[in-house]
PDB file of N, CA and C in Angstrom:
ATOM      1  N   MET A   1      72.284  33.527  -6.262  1.00  0.00           N
ATOM      2  CA  MET A   1      70.848  33.702  -6.162  1.00  0.00           C
ATOM      3  C   MET A   1      70.223  33.391  -7.521  1.00  0.00           C
ATOM      4  N   THR A   2      69.000  32.964  -7.516  1.00  0.00           N
ATOM      5  CA  THR A   2      68.269  32.580  -8.711  1.00  0.00           C
ATOM      6  C   THR A   2      67.961  33.782  -9.599  1.00  0.00           C
ATOM      7  N   SER A   3      67.651  33.496 -10.854  1.00  0.00           N
ATOM      8  CA  SER A   3      67.223  34.571 -11.750  1.00  0.00           C
ATOM      9  C   SER A   3      65.746  34.402 -12.116  1.00  0.00           C
ATOM     10  N   ASP A   4      65.049  33.555 -11.385  1.00  0.00           N
ATOM     11  CA  ASP A   4      63.619  33.365 -11.595  1.00  0.00           C
ATOM     12  C   ASP A   4      62.872  34.554 -11.004  1.00  0.00           C
ATOM     13  N   PRO A   5      62.139  35.313 -11.830  1.00  0.00           N
ATOM     14  CA  PRO A   5      61.494  36.522 -11.324  1.00  0.00           C
ATOM     15  C   PRO A   5      60.474  36.259 -10.222  1.00  0.00           C
ATOM     16  N   VAL A   6      59.781  35.139 -10.268  1.00  0.00           N
ATOM     17  CA  VAL A   6      58.790  34.827  -9.235  1.00  0.00           C
ATOM     18  C   VAL A   6      59.492  34.661  -7.885  1.00  0.00           C
ATOM     19  N   THR A   7      60.606  33.957  -7.884  1.00  0.00           N
ATOM     20  CA  THR A   7      61.375  33.748  -6.656  1.00  0.00           C
ATOM     21  C   THR A   7      61.963  35.053  -6.145  1.00  0.00           C
ATOM     22  N   LEU A   8      62.450  35.887  -7.053  1.00  0.00           N
ATOM     23  CA  LEU A   8      63.047  37.166  -6.659  1.00  0.00           C
ATOM     24  C   LEU A   8      62.015  38.096  -6.033  1.00  0.00           C
ATOM     25  N   VAL A   9      60.837  38.148  -6.606  1.00  0.00           N
ATOM     26  CA  VAL A   9      59.769  39.002  -6.068  1.00  0.00           C
ATOM     27  C   VAL A   9      59.268  38.439  -4.733  1.00  0.00           C
ATOM     28  N   ALA A  10      59.175  37.120  -4.637  1.00  0.00           N
ATOM     29  CA  ALA A  10      58.780  36.509  -3.364  1.00  0.00           C
ATOM     30  C   ALA A  10      59.816  36.813  -2.283  1.00  0.00           C
ATOM     31  N   ALA A  11      61.082  36.825  -2.655  1.00  0.00           N
ATOM     32  CA  ALA A  11      62.142  37.158  -1.697  1.00  0.00           C
ATOM     33  C   ALA A  11      61.996  38.601  -1.220  1.00  0.00           C
ATOM     34  N   LEU A  12      61.643  39.507  -2.125  1.00  0.00           N
ATOM     35  CA  LEU A  12      61.410  40.898  -1.728  1.00  0.00           C
ATOM     36  C   LEU A  12      60.270  40.968  -0.722  1.00  0.00           C
ATOM     37  N   ARG A  13      59.196  40.287  -1.008  1.00  0.00           N
ATOM     38  CA  ARG A  13      58.058  40.298  -0.088  1.00  0.00           C
ATOM     39  C   ARG A  13      58.459  39.733   1.279  1.00  0.00           C
ATOM     40  N   ASN A  14      59.242  38.657   1.282  1.00  0.00           N
ATOM     41  CA  ASN A  14      59.698  38.068   2.546  1.00  0.00           C
ATOM     42  C   ASN A  14      60.597  39.021   3.321  1.00  0.00           C
ATOM     43  N   VAL A  15      61.460  39.729   2.625  1.00  0.00           N
ATOM     44  CA  VAL A  15      62.334  40.717   3.265  1.00  0.00           C
ATOM     45  C   VAL A  15      61.487  41.781   3.955  1.00  0.00           C
ATOM     46  N   LEU A  16      60.475  42.248   3.280  1.00  0.00           N
ATOM     47  CA  LEU A  16      59.617  43.286   3.847  1.00  0.00           C
ATOM     48  C   LEU A  16      58.813  42.751   5.031  1.00  0.00           C
ATOM     49  N   GLU A  17      58.337  41.521   4.929  1.00  0.00           N
ATOM     50  CA  GLU A  17      57.610  40.917   6.053  1.00  0.00           C
ATOM     51  C   GLU A  17      58.527  40.766   7.260  1.00  0.00           C
ATOM     52  N   ASP A  18      59.782  40.374   7.024  1.00  0.00           N
ATOM     53  CA  ASP A  18      60.765  40.282   8.119  1.00  0.00           C
ATOM     54  C   ASP A  18      61.002  41.648   8.751  1.00  0.00           C
ATOM     55  N   THR A  19      61.048  42.666   7.916  1.00  0.00           N
ATOM     56  CA  THR A  19      61.260  44.020   8.419  1.00  0.00           C
ATOM     57  C   THR A  19      60.094  44.447   9.295  1.00  0.00           C
ATOM     58  N   VAL A  20      58.885  44.135   8.869  1.00  0.00           N
ATOM     59  CA  VAL A  20      57.696  44.445   9.668  1.00  0.00           C
ATOM     60  C   VAL A  20      57.794  43.759  11.031  1.00  0.00           C
ATOM     61  N   ARG A  21      58.176  42.491  11.033  1.00  0.00           N
ATOM     62  CA  ARG A  21      58.306  41.758  12.300  1.00  0.00           C
ATOM     63  C   ARG A  21      59.371  42.392  13.190  1.00  0.00           C
ATOM     64  N   ASP A  22      60.494  42.781  12.595  1.00  0.00           N
ATOM     65  CA  ASP A  22      61.549  43.436  13.379  1.00  0.00           C
ATOM     66  C   ASP A  22      61.050  44.739  13.987  1.00  0.00           C
ATOM     67  N   PHE A  23      60.385  45.549  13.182  1.00  0.00           N
ATOM     68  CA  PHE A  23      59.874  46.821  13.687  1.00  0.00           C
ATOM     69  C   PHE A  23      58.865  46.585  14.806  1.00  0.00           C
ATOM     70  N   SER A  24      58.025  45.567  14.652  1.00  0.00           N
ATOM     71  CA  SER A  24      57.004  45.274  15.660  1.00  0.00           C
ATOM     72  C   SER A  24      57.610  44.791  16.969  1.00  0.00           C
ATOM     73  N   SER A  25      58.798  44.225  16.910  1.00  0.00           N
ATOM     74  CA  SER A  25      59.429  43.718  18.132  1.00  0.00           C
ATOM     75  C   SER A  25      60.186  44.808  18.895  1.00  0.00           C
ATOM     76  N   MET A  26      60.303  45.972  18.301  1.00  0.00           N
ATOM     77  CA  MET A  26      61.005  47.075  18.956  1.00  0.00           C
ATOM     78  C   MET A  26      60.105  47.720  20.006  1.00  0.00           C
ATOM     79  N   PRO A  27      60.709  48.391  20.979  1.00  0.00           N
ATOM     80  CA  PRO A  27      59.895  49.093  21.966  1.00  0.00           C
ATOM     81  C   PRO A  27      58.923  50.064  21.290  1.00  0.00           C
ATOM     82  N   PHE A  28      57.742  50.159  21.851  1.00  0.00           N
ATOM     83  CA  PHE A  28      56.661  50.957  21.268  1.00  0.00           C
ATOM     84  C   PHE A  28      57.096  52.384  20.934  1.00  0.00           C
ATOM     85  N   PHE A  29      57.835  53.027  21.826  1.00  0.00           N
ATOM     86  CA  PHE A  29      58.212  54.423  21.622  1.00  0.00           C
ATOM     87  C   PHE A  29      59.285  54.601  20.550  1.00  0.00           C
ATOM     88  N   VAL A  30      59.968  53.521  20.162  1.00  0.00           N
ATOM     89  CA  VAL A  30      61.017  53.593  19.139  1.00  0.00           C
ATOM     90  C   VAL A  30      60.439  53.413  17.735  1.00  0.00           C
ATOM     91  N   ARG A  31      59.347  52.705  17.632  1.00  0.00           N
ATOM     92  CA  ARG A  31      58.775  52.354  16.324  1.00  0.00           C
ATOM     93  C   ARG A  31      58.523  53.552  15.409  1.00  0.00           C
ATOM     94  N   PRO A  32      57.905  54.641  15.884  1.00  0.00           N
ATOM     95  CA  PRO A  32      57.679  55.770  14.968  1.00  0.00           C
ATOM     96  C   PRO A  32      58.980  56.347  14.395  1.00  0.00           C
ATOM     97  N   MET A  33      60.017  56.405  15.202  1.00  0.00           N
ATOM     98  CA  MET A  33      61.308  56.910  14.714  1.00  0.00           C
ATOM     99  C   MET A  33      61.887  55.975  13.654  1.00  0.00           C
ATOM    100  N   VAL A  34      61.827  54.688  13.925  1.00  0.00           N
ATOM    101  CA  VAL A  34      62.385  53.703  12.994  1.00  0.00           C
ATOM    102  C   VAL A  34      61.590  53.704  11.687  1.00  0.00           C
ATOM    103  N   ARG A  35      60.281  53.737  11.799  1.00  0.00           N
ATOM    104  CA  ARG A  35      59.442  53.764  10.590  1.00  0.00           C
ATOM    105  C   ARG A  35      59.671  55.044   9.783  1.00  0.00           C
ATOM    106  N   GLY A  36      59.792  56.167  10.483  1.00  0.00           N
ATOM    107  CA  GLY A  36      60.041  57.433   9.793  1.00  0.00           C
ATOM    108  C   GLY A  36      61.389  57.442   9.093  1.00  0.00           C
ATOM    109  N   GLY A  37      62.388  56.910   9.750  1.00  0.00           N
ATOM    110  CA  GLY A  37      63.709  56.818   9.132  1.00  0.00           C
ATOM    111  C   GLY A  37      63.703  55.908   7.922  1.00  0.00           C
ATOM    112  N   PHE A  38      63.002  54.793   8.027  1.00  0.00           N
ATOM    113  CA  PHE A  38      62.883  53.867   6.901  1.00  0.00           C
ATOM    114  C   PHE A  38      62.255  54.578   5.705  1.00  0.00           C
ATOM    115  N   GLU A  39      61.187  55.312   5.963  1.00  0.00           N
ATOM    116  CA  GLU A  39      60.483  56.017   4.882  1.00  0.00           C
ATOM    117  C   GLU A  39      61.377  57.090   4.252  1.00  0.00           C
ATOM    118  N   ARG A  40      62.099  57.829   5.065  1.00  0.00           N
ATOM    119  CA  ARG A  40      62.996  58.863   4.524  1.00  0.00           C
ATOM    120  C   ARG A  40      64.095  58.254   3.656  1.00  0.00           C
ATOM    121  N   ARG A  41      64.658  57.163   4.121  1.00  0.00           N
ATOM    122  CA  ARG A  41      65.777  56.552   3.388  1.00  0.00           C
ATOM    123  C   ARG A  41      65.331  55.810   2.143  1.00  0.00           C
ATOM    124  N   THR A  42      64.137  55.222   2.158  1.00  0.00           N
ATOM    125  CA  THR A  42      63.700  54.400   1.024  1.00  0.00           C
ATOM    126  C   THR A  42      62.725  55.111   0.091  1.00  0.00           C
ATOM    127  N   GLY A  43      62.230  56.266   0.512  1.00  0.00           N
ATOM    128  CA  GLY A  43      61.304  57.012  -0.332  1.00  0.00           C
ATOM    129  C   GLY A  43      59.855  56.585  -0.200  1.00  0.00           C
ATOM    130  N   GLN A  44      59.594  55.545   0.592  1.00  0.00           N
ATOM    131  CA  GLN A  44      58.224  55.058   0.765  1.00  0.00           C
ATOM    132  C   GLN A  44      58.077  54.472   2.161  1.00  0.00           C
ATOM    133  N   SER A  45      56.849  54.472   2.642  1.00  0.00           N
ATOM    134  CA  SER A  45      56.573  53.829   3.928  1.00  0.00           C
ATOM    135  C   SER A  45      56.701  52.319   3.772  1.00  0.00           C
ATOM    136  N   LEU A  46      56.831  51.651   4.885  1.00  0.00           N
ATOM    137  CA  LEU A  46      56.902  50.192   4.858  1.00  0.00           C
ATOM    138  C   LEU A  46      55.612  49.611   4.279  1.00  0.00           C
ATOM    139  N   GLU A  47      54.490  50.236   4.596  1.00  0.00           N
ATOM    140  CA  GLU A  47      53.208  49.774   4.056  1.00  0.00           C
ATOM    141  C   GLU A  47      53.162  49.928   2.537  1.00  0.00           C
ATOM    142  N   ALA A  48      53.689  51.033   2.021  1.00  0.00           N
ATOM    143  CA  ALA A  48      53.729  51.239   0.567  1.00  0.00           C
ATOM    144  C   ALA A  48      54.630  50.200  -0.093  1.00  0.00           C
ATOM    145  N   TRP A  49      55.740  49.872   0.556  1.00  0.00           N
ATOM    146  CA  TRP A  49      56.622  48.819   0.030  1.00  0.00           C
ATOM    147  C   TRP A  49      55.898  47.479  -0.001  1.00  0.00           C
ATOM    148  N   GLN A  50      55.157  47.188   1.046  1.00  0.00           N
ATOM    149  CA  GLN A  50      54.414  45.925   1.088  1.00  0.00           C
ATOM    150  C   GLN A  50      53.363  45.872  -0.024  1.00  0.00           C
ATOM    151  N   LYS A  51      52.699  46.976  -0.251  1.00  0.00           N
ATOM    152  CA  LYS A  51      51.688  47.035  -1.320  1.00  0.00           C
ATOM    153  C   LYS A  51      52.350  46.822  -2.678  1.00  0.00           C
ATOM    154  N   LEU A  52      53.496  47.477  -2.896  1.00  0.00           N
ATOM    155  CA  LEU A  52      54.229  47.295  -4.148  1.00  0.00           C
ATOM    156  C   LEU A  52      54.639  45.838  -4.323  1.00  0.00           C
ATOM    157  N   ALA A  53      55.164  45.223  -3.271  1.00  0.00           N
ATOM    158  CA  ALA A  53      55.579  43.823  -3.356  1.00  0.00           C
ATOM    159  C   ALA A  53      54.394  42.920  -3.671  1.00  0.00           C
ATOM    160  N   SER A  54      53.255  43.170  -3.056  1.00  0.00           N
ATOM    161  CA  SER A  54      52.054  42.376  -3.338  1.00  0.00           C
ATOM    162  C   SER A  54      51.617  42.539  -4.785  1.00  0.00           C
ATOM    163  N   THR A  55      51.700  43.756  -5.277  1.00  0.00           N
ATOM    164  CA  THR A  55      51.358  44.011  -6.684  1.00  0.00           C
ATOM    165  C   THR A  55      52.299  43.231  -7.602  1.00  0.00           C
ATOM    166  N   LEU A  56      53.587  43.286  -7.297  1.00  0.00           N
ATOM    167  CA  LEU A  56      54.564  42.562  -8.117  1.00  0.00           C
ATOM    168  C   LEU A  56      54.317  41.061  -8.071  1.00  0.00           C
ATOM    169  N   VAL A  57      54.003  40.532  -6.892  1.00  0.00           N
ATOM    170  CA  VAL A  57      53.735  39.100  -6.760  1.00  0.00           C
ATOM    171  C   VAL A  57      52.577  38.696  -7.664  1.00  0.00           C
ATOM    172  N   SER A  58      51.554  39.530  -7.747  1.00  0.00           N
ATOM    173  CA  SER A  58      50.395  39.191  -8.581  1.00  0.00           C
ATOM    174  C   SER A  58      50.673  39.385 -10.072  1.00  0.00           C
ATOM    175  N   GLN A  59      51.629  40.241 -10.415  1.00  0.00           N
ATOM    176  CA  GLN A  59      51.911  40.533 -11.817  1.00  0.00           C
ATOM    177  C   GLN A  59      53.017  39.671 -12.423  1.00  0.00           C
ATOM    178  N   VAL A  60      53.989  39.309 -11.638  1.00  0.00           N
ATOM    179  CA  VAL A  60      55.176  38.632 -12.175  1.00  0.00           C
ATOM    180  C   VAL A  60      54.947  37.122 -12.235  1.00  0.00           C
ATOM    181  N   LYS A  61      55.160  36.596 -13.415  1.00  0.00           N
ATOM    182  CA  LYS A  61      55.036  35.163 -13.691  1.00  0.00           C
ATOM    183  C   LYS A  61      56.400  34.655 -14.166  1.00  0.00           C
ATOM    184  N   PRO A  62      56.588  33.340 -14.262  1.00  0.00           N
ATOM    185  CA  PRO A  62      57.893  32.814 -14.681  1.00  0.00           C
ATOM    186  C   PRO A  62      58.387  33.358 -16.029  1.00  0.00           C
ATOM    187  N   ASP A  63      57.460  33.690 -16.923  1.00  0.00           N
ATOM    188  CA  ASP A  63      57.870  34.177 -18.245  1.00  0.00           C
ATOM    189  C   ASP A  63      57.900  35.704 -18.341  1.00  0.00           C
ATOM    190  N   THR A  64      57.710  36.392 -17.238  1.00  0.00           N
ATOM    191  CA  THR A  64      57.729  37.850 -17.234  1.00  0.00           C
ATOM    192  C   THR A  64      59.138  38.341 -17.527  1.00  0.00           C
ATOM    193  N   THR A  65      59.221  39.321 -18.408  1.00  0.00           N
ATOM    194  CA  THR A  65      60.534  39.879 -18.756  1.00  0.00           C
ATOM    195  C   THR A  65      60.824  41.096 -17.887  1.00  0.00           C
ATOM    196  N   PRO A  66      62.111  41.379 -17.676  1.00  0.00           N
ATOM    197  CA  PRO A  66      62.465  42.594 -16.939  1.00  0.00           C
ATOM    198  C   PRO A  66      61.895  43.851 -17.602  1.00  0.00           C
ATOM    199  N   ALA A  67      61.871  43.866 -18.914  1.00  0.00           N
ATOM    200  CA  ALA A  67      61.361  45.040 -19.640  1.00  0.00           C
ATOM    201  C   ALA A  67      59.886  45.281 -19.308  1.00  0.00           C
ATOM    202  N   ARG A  68      59.119  44.220 -19.193  1.00  0.00           N
ATOM    203  CA  ARG A  68      57.698  44.367 -18.875  1.00  0.00           C
ATOM    204  C   ARG A  68      57.527  44.951 -17.472  1.00  0.00           C
ATOM    205  N   VAL A  69      58.330  44.497 -16.531  1.00  0.00           N
ATOM    206  CA  VAL A  69      58.245  45.013 -15.163  1.00  0.00           C
ATOM    207  C   VAL A  69      58.666  46.472 -15.134  1.00  0.00           C
ATOM    208  N   ARG A  70      59.761  46.798 -15.833  1.00  0.00           N
ATOM    209  CA  ARG A  70      60.227  48.200 -15.883  1.00  0.00           C
ATOM    210  C   ARG A  70      59.183  49.102 -16.522  1.00  0.00           C
ATOM    211  N   GLU A  71      58.482  48.582 -17.515  1.00  0.00           N
ATOM    212  CA  GLU A  71      57.430  49.363 -18.177  1.00  0.00           C
ATOM    213  C   GLU A  71      56.264  49.638 -17.228  1.00  0.00           C
ATOM    214  N   SER A  72      55.893  48.629 -16.446  1.00  0.00           N
ATOM    215  CA  SER A  72      54.789  48.785 -15.496  1.00  0.00           C
ATOM    216  C   SER A  72      55.174  49.624 -14.287  1.00  0.00           C
ATOM    217  N   HIS A  73      56.440  49.584 -13.924  1.00  0.00           N
ATOM    218  CA  HIS A  73      56.943  50.277 -12.727  1.00  0.00           C
ATOM    219  C   HIS A  73      58.245  50.995 -13.083  1.00  0.00           C
ATOM    220  N   PRO A  74      58.142  52.133 -13.771  1.00  0.00           N
ATOM    221  CA  PRO A  74      59.333  52.800 -14.312  1.00  0.00           C
ATOM    222  C   PRO A  74      60.389  53.204 -13.279  1.00  0.00           C
ATOM    223  N   ARG A  75      59.993  53.460 -12.049  1.00  0.00           N
ATOM    224  CA  ARG A  75      60.969  53.901 -11.036  1.00  0.00           C
ATOM    225  C   ARG A  75      61.342  52.780 -10.061  1.00  0.00           C
ATOM    226  N   LEU A  76      60.940  51.558 -10.385  1.00  0.00           N
ATOM    227  CA  LEU A  76      61.170  50.446  -9.473  1.00  0.00           C
ATOM    228  C   LEU A  76      62.650  50.247  -9.163  1.00  0.00           C
ATOM    229  N   ARG A  77      63.476  50.269 -10.174  1.00  0.00           N
ATOM    230  CA  ARG A  77      64.913  50.046  -9.958  1.00  0.00           C
ATOM    231  C   ARG A  77      65.479  51.105  -9.015  1.00  0.00           C
ATOM    232  N   GLU A  78      65.135  52.344  -9.237  1.00  0.00           N
ATOM    233  CA  GLU A  78      65.593  53.451  -8.388  1.00  0.00           C
ATOM    234  C   GLU A  78      65.128  53.253  -6.937  1.00  0.00           C
ATOM    235  N   HIS A  79      63.887  52.864  -6.774  1.00  0.00           N
ATOM    236  CA  HIS A  79      63.350  52.651  -5.429  1.00  0.00           C
ATOM    237  C   HIS A  79      64.027  51.462  -4.755  1.00  0.00           C
ATOM    238  N   LEU A  80      64.256  50.402  -5.520  1.00  0.00           N
ATOM    239  CA  LEU A  80      64.931  49.234  -4.957  1.00  0.00           C
ATOM    240  C   LEU A  80      66.363  49.567  -4.538  1.00  0.00           C
ATOM    241  N   GLU A  81      67.018  50.435  -5.289  1.00  0.00           N
ATOM    242  CA  GLU A  81      68.376  50.869  -4.907  1.00  0.00           C
ATOM    243  C   GLU A  81      68.342  51.552  -3.539  1.00  0.00           C
ATOM    244  N   GLN A  82      67.342  52.380  -3.321  1.00  0.00           N
ATOM    245  CA  GLN A  82      67.201  53.052  -2.022  1.00  0.00           C
ATOM    246  C   GLN A  82      66.944  52.032  -0.913  1.00  0.00           C
ATOM    247  N   LEU A  83      66.110  51.043  -1.197  1.00  0.00           N
ATOM    248  CA  LEU A  83      65.813  50.007  -0.213  1.00  0.00           C
ATOM    249  C   LEU A  83      67.068  49.196   0.114  1.00  0.00           C
ATOM    250  N   ALA A  84      67.813  48.812  -0.910  1.00  0.00           N
ATOM    251  CA  ALA A  84      69.047  48.045  -0.693  1.00  0.00           C
ATOM    252  C   ALA A  84      70.037  48.851   0.128  1.00  0.00           C
ATOM    253  N   GLU A  85      70.155  50.126  -0.172  1.00  0.00           N
ATOM    254  CA  GLU A  85      71.069  50.997   0.575  1.00  0.00           C
ATOM    255  C   GLU A  85      70.621  51.103   2.036  1.00  0.00           C
ATOM    256  N   ASN A  86      69.327  51.151   2.269  1.00  0.00           N
ATOM    257  CA  ASN A  86      68.814  51.177   3.633  1.00  0.00           C
ATOM    258  C   ASN A  86      69.275  49.939   4.399  1.00  0.00           C
ATOM    259  N   TYR A  87      69.166  48.781   3.776  1.00  0.00           N
ATOM    260  CA  TYR A  87      69.592  47.553   4.452  1.00  0.00           C
ATOM    261  C   TYR A  87      71.114  47.501   4.606  1.00  0.00           C
ATOM    262  N   ARG A  88      71.840  48.017   3.632  1.00  0.00           N
ATOM    263  CA  ARG A  88      73.304  48.019   3.720  1.00  0.00           C
ATOM    264  C   ARG A  88      73.778  48.845   4.914  1.00  0.00           C
ATOM    265  N   THR A  89      73.125  49.959   5.157  1.00  0.00           N
ATOM    266  CA  THR A  89      73.557  50.866   6.221  1.00  0.00           C
ATOM    267  C   THR A  89      72.897  50.591   7.573  1.00  0.00           C
ATOM    268  N   ALA A  90      71.975  49.645   7.625  1.00  0.00           N
ATOM    269  CA  ALA A  90      71.276  49.348   8.878  1.00  0.00           C
ATOM    270  C   ALA A  90      72.217  48.955  10.020  1.00  0.00           C
ATOM    271  N   PRO A  91      73.232  48.136   9.781  1.00  0.00           N
ATOM    272  CA  PRO A  91      74.102  47.767  10.908  1.00  0.00           C
ATOM    273  C   PRO A  91      74.807  48.961  11.555  1.00  0.00           C
ATOM    274  N   GLU A  92      75.231  49.944  10.758  1.00  0.00           N
ATOM    275  CA  GLU A  92      75.905  51.092  11.380  1.00  0.00           C
ATOM    276  C   GLU A  92      74.921  51.935  12.182  1.00  0.00           C
ATOM    277  N   ARG A  93      73.665  52.027  11.729  1.00  0.00           N
ATOM    278  CA  ARG A  93      72.663  52.741  12.527  1.00  0.00           C
ATOM    279  C   ARG A  93      72.366  51.972  13.807  1.00  0.00           C
ATOM    280  N   ALA A  94      72.270  50.657  13.691  1.00  0.00           N
ATOM    281  CA  ALA A  94      72.001  49.828  14.868  1.00  0.00           C
ATOM    282  C   ALA A  94      73.151  49.915  15.867  1.00  0.00           C
ATOM    283  N   ALA A  95      74.368  49.965  15.378  1.00  0.00           N
ATOM    284  CA  ALA A  95      75.536  50.036  16.269  1.00  0.00           C
ATOM    285  C   ALA A  95      75.498  51.290  17.126  1.00  0.00           C
ATOM    286  N   LYS A  96      74.999  52.368  16.562  1.00  0.00           N
ATOM    287  CA  LYS A  96      74.894  53.614  17.330  1.00  0.00           C
ATOM    288  C   LYS A  96      73.924  53.444  18.491  1.00  0.00           C
ATOM    289  N   GLY A  97      72.860  52.705  18.258  1.00  0.00           N
ATOM    290  CA  GLY A  97      71.853  52.532  19.287  1.00  0.00           C
ATOM    291  C   GLY A  97      72.098  51.342  20.199  1.00  0.00           C
ATOM    292  N   MET A  98      72.807  50.336  19.689  1.00  0.00           N
ATOM    293  CA  MET A  98      72.984  49.106  20.457  1.00  0.00           C
ATOM    294  C   MET A  98      74.375  48.961  21.054  1.00  0.00           C
ATOM    295  N   GLY A  99      75.320  49.744  20.567  1.00  0.00           N
ATOM    296  CA  GLY A  99      76.685  49.559  21.033  1.00  0.00           C
ATOM    297  C   GLY A  99      77.197  48.206  20.575  1.00  0.00           C
ATOM    298  N   MET A 100      77.855  47.495  21.431  1.00  0.00           N
ATOM    299  CA  MET A 100      78.431  46.199  21.064  1.00  0.00           C
ATOM    300  C   MET A 100      77.603  45.031  21.606  1.00  0.00           C
ATOM    301  N   LEU A 101      76.320  45.206  21.659  1.00  0.00           N
ATOM    302  CA  LEU A 101      75.449  44.150  22.161  1.00  0.00           C
ATOM    303  C   LEU A 101      75.459  42.937  21.235  1.00  0.00           C
ATOM    304  N   ALA A 102      75.137  41.807  21.785  1.00  0.00           N
ATOM    305  CA  ALA A 102      75.124  40.560  21.015  1.00  0.00           C
ATOM    306  C   ALA A 102      74.158  40.620  19.842  1.00  0.00           C
ATOM    307  N   GLY A 103      73.075  41.368  19.959  1.00  0.00           N
ATOM    308  CA  GLY A 103      72.087  41.471  18.889  1.00  0.00           C
ATOM    309  C   GLY A 103      72.601  42.151  17.643  1.00  0.00           C
ATOM    310  N   LEU A 104      73.695  42.860  17.764  1.00  0.00           N
ATOM    311  CA  LEU A 104      74.253  43.561  16.614  1.00  0.00           C
ATOM    312  C   LEU A 104      74.698  42.581  15.525  1.00  0.00           C
ATOM    313  N   GLN A 105      75.239  41.448  15.912  1.00  0.00           N
ATOM    314  CA  GLN A 105      75.655  40.430  14.941  1.00  0.00           C
ATOM    315  C   GLN A 105      74.452  39.965  14.123  1.00  0.00           C
ATOM    316  N   ARG A 106      73.325  39.765  14.780  1.00  0.00           N
ATOM    317  CA  ARG A 106      72.106  39.346  14.075  1.00  0.00           C
ATOM    318  C   ARG A 106      71.651  40.423  13.105  1.00  0.00           C
ATOM    319  N   VAL A 107      71.735  41.684  13.534  1.00  0.00           N
ATOM    320  CA  VAL A 107      71.358  42.795  12.653  1.00  0.00           C
ATOM    321  C   VAL A 107      72.244  42.791  11.414  1.00  0.00           C
ATOM    322  N   GLN A 108      73.528  42.584  11.596  1.00  0.00           N
ATOM    323  CA  GLN A 108      74.455  42.564  10.458  1.00  0.00           C
ATOM    324  C   GLN A 108      74.114  41.442   9.492  1.00  0.00           C
ATOM    325  N   GLU A 109      73.837  40.266  10.025  1.00  0.00           N
ATOM    326  CA  GLU A 109      73.519  39.117   9.169  1.00  0.00           C
ATOM    327  C   GLU A 109      72.200  39.287   8.438  1.00  0.00           C
ATOM    328  N   THR A 110      71.169  39.723   9.145  1.00  0.00           N
ATOM    329  CA  THR A 110      69.867  39.879   8.485  1.00  0.00           C
ATOM    330  C   THR A 110      69.899  41.022   7.479  1.00  0.00           C
ATOM    331  N   SER A 111      70.590  42.085   7.817  1.00  0.00           N
ATOM    332  CA  SER A 111      70.680  43.214   6.884  1.00  0.00           C
ATOM    333  C   SER A 111      71.399  42.808   5.605  1.00  0.00           C
ATOM    334  N   GLN A 112      72.455  42.044   5.749  1.00  0.00           N
ATOM    335  CA  GLN A 112      73.192  41.598   4.563  1.00  0.00           C
ATOM    336  C   GLN A 112      72.319  40.693   3.691  1.00  0.00           C
ATOM    337  N   ARG A 113      71.601  39.783   4.327  1.00  0.00           N
ATOM    338  CA  ARG A 113      70.716  38.883   3.585  1.00  0.00           C
ATOM    339  C   ARG A 113      69.616  39.672   2.862  1.00  0.00           C
ATOM    340  N   ARG A 114      69.069  40.656   3.540  1.00  0.00           N
ATOM    341  CA  ARG A 114      68.019  41.477   2.934  1.00  0.00           C
ATOM    342  C   ARG A 114      68.568  42.291   1.770  1.00  0.00           C
ATOM    343  N   GLU A 115      69.714  42.899   1.964  1.00  0.00           N
ATOM    344  CA  GLU A 115      70.322  43.675   0.875  1.00  0.00           C
ATOM    345  C   GLU A 115      70.581  42.780  -0.332  1.00  0.00           C
ATOM    346  N   GLU A 116      71.105  41.590  -0.106  1.00  0.00           N
ATOM    347  CA  GLU A 116      71.389  40.669  -1.213  1.00  0.00           C
ATOM    348  C   GLU A 116      70.121  40.299  -1.980  1.00  0.00           C
ATOM    349  N   ALA A 117      69.037  40.081  -1.270  1.00  0.00           N
ATOM    350  CA  ALA A 117      67.776  39.736  -1.930  1.00  0.00           C
ATOM    351  C   ALA A 117      67.280  40.890  -2.800  1.00  0.00           C
ATOM    352  N   VAL A 118      67.376  42.102  -2.289  1.00  0.00           N
ATOM    353  CA  VAL A 118      66.934  43.272  -3.060  1.00  0.00           C
ATOM    354  C   VAL A 118      67.859  43.486  -4.259  1.00  0.00           C
ATOM    355  N   ARG A 119      69.158  43.345  -4.059  1.00  0.00           N
ATOM    356  CA  ARG A 119      70.108  43.546  -5.169  1.00  0.00           C
ATOM    357  C   ARG A 119      69.955  42.474  -6.243  1.00  0.00           C
ATOM    358  N   ALA A 120      69.548  41.268  -5.867  1.00  0.00           N
ATOM    359  CA  ALA A 120      69.304  40.225  -6.862  1.00  0.00           C
ATOM    360  C   ALA A 120      68.152  40.629  -7.782  1.00  0.00           C
ATOM    361  N   LEU A 121      67.118  41.222  -7.216  1.00  0.00           N
ATOM    362  CA  LEU A 121      65.992  41.682  -8.038  1.00  0.00           C
ATOM    363  C   LEU A 121      66.432  42.840  -8.922  1.00  0.00           C
ATOM    364  N   ILE A 122      67.234  43.753  -8.376  1.00  0.00           N
ATOM    365  CA  ILE A 122      67.767  44.873  -9.166  1.00  0.00           C
ATOM    366  C   ILE A 122      68.572  44.333 -10.344  1.00  0.00           C
ATOM    367  N   SER A 123      69.401  43.345 -10.074  1.00  0.00           N
ATOM    368  CA  SER A 123      70.233  42.758 -11.126  1.00  0.00           C
ATOM    369  C   SER A 123      69.375  42.139 -12.221  1.00  0.00           C
ATOM    370  N   TRP A 124      68.320  41.442 -11.827  1.00  0.00           N
ATOM    371  CA  TRP A 124      67.432  40.834 -12.805  1.00  0.00           C
ATOM    372  C   TRP A 124      66.753  41.905 -13.666  1.00  0.00           C
ATOM    373  N   LEU A 125      66.407  43.030 -13.033  1.00  0.00           N
ATOM    374  CA  LEU A 125      65.751  44.110 -13.777  1.00  0.00           C
ATOM    375  C   LEU A 125      66.680  44.727 -14.814  1.00  0.00           C
ATOM    376  N   GLY A 126      67.975  44.597 -14.578  1.00  0.00           N
ATOM    377  CA  GLY A 126      68.970  45.120 -15.516  1.00  0.00           C
ATOM    378  C   GLY A 126      69.205  46.591 -15.462  1.00  0.00           C
TER     379      GLY A 126
END
């Protein structure tokens, strides 16, 4: 993965947008449970994550240093760790609800891709 901060932050925003689309495609009665679980595991609502990502997109430029981002967002690394862990554990939560359905493979692949994108930003932050 790249070490360009603009690309890394854009990847975070894309991951969150994908998550929103996934949540929206779930049955209406399941969405509140899924959103609540996401918030408990990541420490923030999906909307708060989207707002943070938008803020980062507007602040981070190609010459932005990790130190500057950490200074502006002191708990960002900690929060991103929670988000990455949420994506890492998503397939096992999905397996409980989906069993061995064909969609489980897609959940595993998308979750891994999302976790990797978040961990790349964590790595850049140092």
